[in-house]
Amino acid sequence: MPTFTQKVFAIVKKIPRGEVLTYKEVTKRAGRPGAHRAVGNILNKNFDPAIPCHRVIRSDGRTGGYNRGREKKIEILETEGYKFSKKSS
């Protein structure tokens, strides 16, 4: 049985370039709705480029945290083709 961390990484690995999921969506798919902070903490410790944790954002459309800095997260997402709404970035 995979751990919650393994489930989170498996879900995040499947997010296509130019798309995002919210922390809330990840928690639901991993079977632990409401564990938003846990997902944030798991992803904050990730430095594996095969797990695109920059593709997970807040439910309000804002970027949320990133272990390489918020500006880097925005830069990567924009490079991948993700379009932020004016109020969310």
C-alpha atoms as a PDB file:
ATOM      1  CA  MET A   1       0.000   0.000   0.000  1.00  0.00           C
ATOM      2  CA  PRO A   2       1.560   3.317  -1.060  1.00  0.00           C
ATOM      3  CA  THR A   3       2.109   6.000   1.564  1.00  0.00           C
ATOM      4  CA  PHE A   4       0.349   9.353   1.345  1.00  0.00           C
ATOM      5  CA  THR A   5       3.610  10.907   0.129  1.00  0.00           C
ATOM      6  CA  GLN A   6       3.932   8.307  -2.632  1.00  0.00           C
ATOM      7  CA  LYS A   7       0.321   8.951  -3.678  1.00  0.00           C
ATOM      8  CA  VAL A   8       0.933  12.707  -3.804  1.00  0.00           C
ATOM      9  CA  PHE A   9       4.068  12.280  -5.922  1.00  0.00           C
ATOM     10  CA  ALA A  10       2.276   9.878  -8.301  1.00  0.00           C
ATOM     11  CA  ILE A  11      -0.581  12.365  -8.777  1.00  0.00           C
ATOM     12  CA  VAL A  12       1.721  15.340  -9.309  1.00  0.00           C
ATOM     13  CA  LYS A  13       3.871  13.413 -11.808  1.00  0.00           C
ATOM     14  CA  LYS A  14       0.787  13.081 -14.042  1.00  0.00           C
ATOM     15  CA  ILE A  15       0.023  16.815 -14.275  1.00  0.00           C
ATOM     16  CA  PRO A  16       0.695  17.770 -17.925  1.00  0.00           C
ATOM     17  CA  ARG A  17       2.848  20.743 -18.956  1.00  0.00           C
ATOM     18  CA  GLY A  18       0.852  23.950 -19.014  1.00  0.00           C
ATOM     19  CA  GLU A  19      -1.741  22.615 -16.578  1.00  0.00           C
ATOM     20  CA  VAL A  20      -2.089  22.760 -12.813  1.00  0.00           C
ATOM     21  CA  LEU A  21      -3.973  21.130  -9.974  1.00  0.00           C
ATOM     22  CA  THR A  22      -4.846  22.780  -6.704  1.00  0.00           C
ATOM     23  CA  TYR A  23      -3.589  21.489  -3.379  1.00  0.00           C
ATOM     24  CA  LYS A  24      -7.234  20.639  -2.658  1.00  0.00           C
ATOM     25  CA  GLU A  25      -7.549  18.558  -5.844  1.00  0.00           C
ATOM     26  CA  VAL A  26      -4.364  16.668  -4.985  1.00  0.00           C
ATOM     27  CA  THR A  27      -5.632  15.862  -1.485  1.00  0.00           C
ATOM     28  CA  LYS A  28      -8.922  14.530  -2.853  1.00  0.00           C
ATOM     29  CA  ARG A  29      -7.195  12.364  -5.452  1.00  0.00           C
ATOM     30  CA  ALA A  30      -4.807  11.038  -2.790  1.00  0.00           C
ATOM     31  CA  GLY A  31      -7.739  10.061  -0.557  1.00  0.00           C
ATOM     32  CA  ARG A  32      -7.138  12.617   2.189  1.00  0.00           C
ATOM     33  CA  PRO A  33      -9.405  15.610   1.568  1.00  0.00           C
ATOM     34  CA  GLY A  34      -8.459  18.506   3.773  1.00  0.00           C
ATOM     35  CA  ALA A  35      -4.771  17.590   4.028  1.00  0.00           C
ATOM     36  CA  HIS A  36      -3.725  20.690   2.077  1.00  0.00           C
ATOM     37  CA  ARG A  37      -0.897  21.628   4.414  1.00  0.00           C
ATOM     38  CA  ALA A  38       0.441  18.087   4.356  1.00  0.00           C
ATOM     39  CA  VAL A  39       0.598  18.225   0.552  1.00  0.00           C
ATOM     40  CA  GLY A  40       2.348  21.597   0.728  1.00  0.00           C
ATOM     41  CA  ASN A  41       4.904  20.229   3.179  1.00  0.00           C
ATOM     42  CA  ILE A  42       5.520  17.124   1.064  1.00  0.00           C
ATOM     43  CA  LEU A  43       6.026  19.161  -2.102  1.00  0.00           C
ATOM     44  CA  ASN A  44       8.217  21.723  -0.329  1.00  0.00           C
ATOM     45  CA  LYS A  45      10.725  18.961   0.416  1.00  0.00           C
ATOM     46  CA  ASN A  46      10.759  17.695  -3.188  1.00  0.00           C
ATOM     47  CA  PHE A  47      13.826  18.426  -5.300  1.00  0.00           C
ATOM     48  CA  ASP A  48      13.238  15.639  -7.864  1.00  0.00           C
ATOM     49  CA  PRO A  49      12.683  17.277 -11.279  1.00  0.00           C
ATOM     50  CA  ALA A  50      10.575  14.265 -12.341  1.00  0.00           C
ATOM     51  CA  ILE A  51       7.931  15.448  -9.849  1.00  0.00           C
ATOM     52  CA  PRO A  52       6.698  18.840 -11.144  1.00  0.00           C
ATOM     53  CA  CYS A  53       5.539  20.274  -7.832  1.00  0.00           C
ATOM     54  CA  HIS A  54       5.455  23.759  -9.384  1.00  0.00           C
ATOM     55  CA  ARG A  55       2.219  22.639 -11.111  1.00  0.00           C
ATOM     56  CA  VAL A  56       0.282  22.652  -7.823  1.00  0.00           C
ATOM     57  CA  ILE A  57      -1.347  25.967  -6.903  1.00  0.00           C
ATOM     58  CA  ARG A  58      -3.785  27.377  -4.373  1.00  0.00           C
ATOM     59  CA  SER A  59      -7.550  27.081  -4.849  1.00  0.00           C
ATOM     60  CA  ASP A  60      -7.828  30.868  -5.162  1.00  0.00           C
ATOM     61  CA  GLY A  61      -5.583  30.754  -8.246  1.00  0.00           C
ATOM     62  CA  ARG A  62      -2.506  32.198  -6.534  1.00  0.00           C
ATOM     63  CA  THR A  63       0.732  30.297  -6.881  1.00  0.00           C
ATOM     64  CA  GLY A  64       1.321  29.203  -3.305  1.00  0.00           C
ATOM     65  CA  GLY A  65       4.762  28.194  -2.097  1.00  0.00           C
ATOM     66  CA  TYR A  66       7.679  26.701  -3.960  1.00  0.00           C
ATOM     67  CA  ASN A  67      11.013  25.570  -2.574  1.00  0.00           C
ATOM     68  CA  ARG A  68      12.898  27.474  -5.268  1.00  0.00           C
ATOM     69  CA  GLY A  69      10.929  30.695  -4.735  1.00  0.00           C
ATOM     70  CA  ARG A  70       7.578  32.036  -5.881  1.00  0.00           C
ATOM     71  CA  GLU A  71       9.044  33.984  -8.812  1.00  0.00           C
ATOM     72  CA  LYS A  72      10.751  30.836 -10.126  1.00  0.00           C
ATOM     73  CA  LYS A  73       7.447  28.946  -9.878  1.00  0.00           C
ATOM     74  CA  ILE A  74       5.701  31.627 -11.933  1.00  0.00           C
ATOM     75  CA  GLU A  75       8.538  31.673 -14.468  1.00  0.00           C
ATOM     76  CA  ILE A  76       8.443  27.889 -14.954  1.00  0.00           C
ATOM     77  CA  LEU A  77       4.648  27.782 -15.267  1.00  0.00           C
ATOM     78  CA  GLU A  78       4.641  30.603 -17.813  1.00  0.00           C
ATOM     79  CA  THR A  79       7.418  28.883 -19.792  1.00  0.00           C
ATOM     80  CA  GLU A  80       5.267  25.746 -19.862  1.00  0.00           C
ATOM     81  CA  GLY A  81       2.341  27.745 -21.249  1.00  0.00           C
ATOM     82  CA  TYR A  82       0.186  28.167 -18.150  1.00  0.00           C
ATOM     83  CA  LYS A  83      -1.801  31.409 -18.254  1.00  0.00           C
ATOM     84  CA  PHE A  84      -2.398  33.143 -14.928  1.00  0.00           C
ATOM     85  CA  SER A  85      -5.453  35.318 -14.541  1.00  0.00           C
ATOM     86  CA  LYS A  86      -4.553  38.960 -13.866  1.00  0.00           C
ATOM     87  CA  LYS A  87      -5.664  38.800 -10.212  1.00  0.00           C
ATOM     88  CA  SER A  88      -4.057  35.464  -9.345  1.00  0.00           C
ATOM     89  CA  SER A  89      -0.325  35.798 -10.004  1.00  0.00           C
END
